[in-house]
């Protein structure tokens, strides 16, 4: 079978290539080849308020967070500088003073 992506409009797996486009024979939808590749690469990470986060931003924790495997707690209002965005469930990689390297979920932080 072919390695062409399914149609984004109707979900048909019978798509085919036509020059620089993919075409769906069932619904006649056409889309560019590079649209499928760029959709996977551009993951947007947003904080609890809906602000877009980027590498190097500073954030503030909005909820007490227990550190798994220890008795430490990251308190509300803790400021974290120079974050790095990563793939996965915990999408922020950072260092917190007094605790060390840690991964956080973006839903528990806000942009500072």
C-alpha atoms as a PDB file:
ATOM      1  CA  UNK A   1       0.000   0.000   0.000  1.00  0.00           C
ATOM      2  CA  UNK A   2       1.106   3.637  -0.352  1.00  0.00           C
ATOM      3  CA  UNK A   3       2.558   5.881   2.331  1.00  0.00           C
ATOM      4  CA  UNK A   4       0.359   8.841   1.451  1.00  0.00           C
ATOM      5  CA  UNK A   5      -1.414  10.629   4.343  1.00  0.00           C
ATOM      6  CA  UNK A   6      -5.134  10.263   4.907  1.00  0.00           C
ATOM      7  CA  UNK A   7      -7.386  13.045   3.674  1.00  0.00           C
ATOM      8  CA  UNK A   8      -7.671  15.764   6.389  1.00  0.00           C
ATOM      9  CA  UNK A   9     -11.224  16.550   5.318  1.00  0.00           C
ATOM     10  CA  UNK A  10     -12.934  13.151   5.035  1.00  0.00           C
ATOM     11  CA  UNK A  11     -10.315  10.721   6.400  1.00  0.00           C
ATOM     12  CA  UNK A  12     -10.110   8.628   3.233  1.00  0.00           C
ATOM     13  CA  UNK A  13      -6.992   6.513   2.857  1.00  0.00           C
ATOM     14  CA  UNK A  14      -7.191   6.436  -0.957  1.00  0.00           C
ATOM     15  CA  UNK A  15      -5.268   9.680  -1.518  1.00  0.00           C
ATOM     16  CA  UNK A  16      -2.814  10.074  -4.375  1.00  0.00           C
ATOM     17  CA  UNK A  17      -0.052  12.410  -5.469  1.00  0.00           C
ATOM     18  CA  UNK A  18      -0.522  14.990  -8.231  1.00  0.00           C
ATOM     19  CA  UNK A  19       2.588  17.124  -8.709  1.00  0.00           C
ATOM     20  CA  UNK A  20       3.015  19.205  -5.556  1.00  0.00           C
ATOM     21  CA  UNK A  21      -0.404  18.248  -4.157  1.00  0.00           C
ATOM     22  CA  UNK A  22      -2.131  15.329  -2.491  1.00  0.00           C
ATOM     23  CA  UNK A  23      -5.625  14.650  -3.831  1.00  0.00           C
ATOM     24  CA  UNK A  24      -8.551  12.752  -2.314  1.00  0.00           C
ATOM     25  CA  UNK A  25     -10.651  10.968  -4.955  1.00  0.00           C
ATOM     26  CA  UNK A  26     -13.652  10.638  -2.625  1.00  0.00           C
ATOM     27  CA  UNK A  27     -14.215  14.283  -1.657  1.00  0.00           C
ATOM     28  CA  UNK A  28     -11.960  16.018  -4.251  1.00  0.00           C
ATOM     29  CA  UNK A  29     -10.018  17.823  -1.504  1.00  0.00           C
ATOM     30  CA  UNK A  30      -6.509  18.969  -2.497  1.00  0.00           C
ATOM     31  CA  UNK A  31      -3.732  20.037  -0.125  1.00  0.00           C
ATOM     32  CA  UNK A  32       0.015  20.745  -0.510  1.00  0.00           C
ATOM     33  CA  UNK A  33       2.546  18.006   0.256  1.00  0.00           C
ATOM     34  CA  UNK A  34       4.516  20.115   2.740  1.00  0.00           C
ATOM     35  CA  UNK A  35       1.375  20.895   4.804  1.00  0.00           C
ATOM     36  CA  UNK A  36       1.465  17.396   6.344  1.00  0.00           C
ATOM     37  CA  UNK A  37       5.136  17.758   7.314  1.00  0.00           C
ATOM     38  CA  UNK A  38       4.865  21.256   8.801  1.00  0.00           C
ATOM     39  CA  UNK A  39       1.769  20.372  10.872  1.00  0.00           C
ATOM     40  CA  UNK A  40       3.792  17.864  12.912  1.00  0.00           C
ATOM     41  CA  UNK A  41       6.748  20.194  13.501  1.00  0.00           C
ATOM     42  CA  UNK A  42       4.902  23.230  14.836  1.00  0.00           C
ATOM     43  CA  UNK A  43       3.683  22.330  18.297  1.00  0.00           C
ATOM     44  CA  UNK A  44       2.412  25.376  20.174  1.00  0.00           C
ATOM     45  CA  UNK A  45       2.785  25.307  23.964  1.00  0.00           C
ATOM     46  CA  UNK A  46       0.481  27.630  25.925  1.00  0.00           C
ATOM     47  CA  UNK A  47       0.402  28.503  29.621  1.00  0.00           C
ATOM     48  CA  UNK A  48      -2.664  28.393  31.877  1.00  0.00           C
ATOM     49  CA  UNK A  49      -3.840  31.802  30.572  1.00  0.00           C
ATOM     50  CA  UNK A  50      -3.413  30.912  26.893  1.00  0.00           C
ATOM     51  CA  UNK A  51      -0.169  32.818  26.293  1.00  0.00           C
ATOM     52  CA  UNK A  52       2.257  31.140  23.886  1.00  0.00           C
ATOM     53  CA  UNK A  53       5.481  29.977  25.558  1.00  0.00           C
ATOM     54  CA  UNK A  54       8.895  29.892  23.865  1.00  0.00           C
ATOM     55  CA  UNK A  55      12.377  28.687  24.773  1.00  0.00           C
ATOM     56  CA  UNK A  56      14.096  31.119  27.148  1.00  0.00           C
ATOM     57  CA  UNK A  57      10.895  32.573  28.654  1.00  0.00           C
ATOM     58  CA  UNK A  58      10.392  33.134  32.373  1.00  0.00           C
ATOM     59  CA  UNK A  59       7.372  31.561  34.064  1.00  0.00           C
ATOM     60  CA  UNK A  60       5.624  31.569  37.436  1.00  0.00           C
ATOM     61  CA  UNK A  61       4.094  28.471  39.063  1.00  0.00           C
ATOM     62  CA  UNK A  62       0.356  28.931  39.792  1.00  0.00           C
ATOM     63  CA  UNK A  63      -0.229  25.848  41.971  1.00  0.00           C
ATOM     64  CA  UNK A  64       1.681  23.998  44.701  1.00  0.00           C
ATOM     65  CA  UNK A  65       3.393  21.073  42.977  1.00  0.00           C
ATOM     66  CA  UNK A  66       4.674  18.048  44.893  1.00  0.00           C
ATOM     67  CA  UNK A  67       8.012  16.715  43.654  1.00  0.00           C
ATOM     68  CA  UNK A  68       7.614  13.027  42.945  1.00  0.00           C
ATOM     69  CA  UNK A  69       9.943  10.833  45.002  1.00  0.00           C
ATOM     70  CA  UNK A  70      10.730  13.443  47.665  1.00  0.00           C
ATOM     71  CA  UNK A  71       9.091  15.592  50.314  1.00  0.00           C
ATOM     72  CA  UNK A  72       9.838  18.829  48.442  1.00  0.00           C
ATOM     73  CA  UNK A  73       7.108  21.129  47.143  1.00  0.00           C
ATOM     74  CA  UNK A  74       7.334  23.807  44.444  1.00  0.00           C
ATOM     75  CA  UNK A  75       5.305  26.639  45.984  1.00  0.00           C
ATOM     76  CA  UNK A  76       2.840  28.974  44.263  1.00  0.00           C
ATOM     77  CA  UNK A  77       4.610  32.052  42.905  1.00  0.00           C
ATOM     78  CA  UNK A  78       7.963  30.332  42.326  1.00  0.00           C
ATOM     79  CA  UNK A  79       9.651  32.081  39.390  1.00  0.00           C
ATOM     80  CA  UNK A  80      11.564  30.001  36.885  1.00  0.00           C
ATOM     81  CA  UNK A  81      13.887  31.585  34.319  1.00  0.00           C
ATOM     82  CA  UNK A  82      15.145  30.330  30.981  1.00  0.00           C
ATOM     83  CA  UNK A  83      12.758  27.443  30.283  1.00  0.00           C
ATOM     84  CA  UNK A  84      13.169  24.942  27.456  1.00  0.00           C
ATOM     85  CA  UNK A  85      10.217  23.383  25.619  1.00  0.00           C
ATOM     86  CA  UNK A  86      10.302  19.622  25.015  1.00  0.00           C
ATOM     87  CA  UNK A  87       7.960  16.986  23.596  1.00  0.00           C
ATOM     88  CA  UNK A  88       5.898  14.820  25.905  1.00  0.00           C
ATOM     89  CA  UNK A  89       3.321  15.095  28.655  1.00  0.00           C
ATOM     90  CA  UNK A  90       5.511  17.428  30.732  1.00  0.00           C
ATOM     91  CA  UNK A  91       6.408  19.964  28.070  1.00  0.00           C
ATOM     92  CA  UNK A  92       8.660  22.383  30.026  1.00  0.00           C
ATOM     93  CA  UNK A  93      12.209  21.507  31.070  1.00  0.00           C
ATOM     94  CA  UNK A  94      13.778  23.858  33.633  1.00  0.00           C
ATOM     95  CA  UNK A  95      15.957  24.278  36.713  1.00  0.00           C
ATOM     96  CA  UNK A  96      14.346  25.456  39.927  1.00  0.00           C
ATOM     97  CA  UNK A  97      16.490  27.008  42.669  1.00  0.00           C
ATOM     98  CA  UNK A  98      16.700  24.712  45.687  1.00  0.00           C
ATOM     99  CA  UNK A  99      15.226  21.741  43.831  1.00  0.00           C
ATOM    100  CA  UNK A 100      17.211  21.276  40.609  1.00  0.00           C
ATOM    101  CA  UNK A 101      16.325  20.060  37.125  1.00  0.00           C
ATOM    102  CA  UNK A 102      12.644  19.388  36.656  1.00  0.00           C
ATOM    103  CA  UNK A 103       9.909  18.959  34.050  1.00  0.00           C
ATOM    104  CA  UNK A 104       6.629  20.846  34.388  1.00  0.00           C
ATOM    105  CA  UNK A 105       3.271  20.792  32.653  1.00  0.00           C
ATOM    106  CA  UNK A 106       2.382  24.057  30.938  1.00  0.00           C
ATOM    107  CA  UNK A 107      -1.116  24.024  32.481  1.00  0.00           C
ATOM    108  CA  UNK A 108       0.377  24.788  35.933  1.00  0.00           C
ATOM    109  CA  UNK A 109       2.407  27.858  34.948  1.00  0.00           C
ATOM    110  CA  UNK A 110       1.875  31.362  33.635  1.00  0.00           C
ATOM    111  CA  UNK A 111       4.203  33.550  31.634  1.00  0.00           C
ATOM    112  CA  UNK A 112       6.041  36.052  33.827  1.00  0.00           C
END
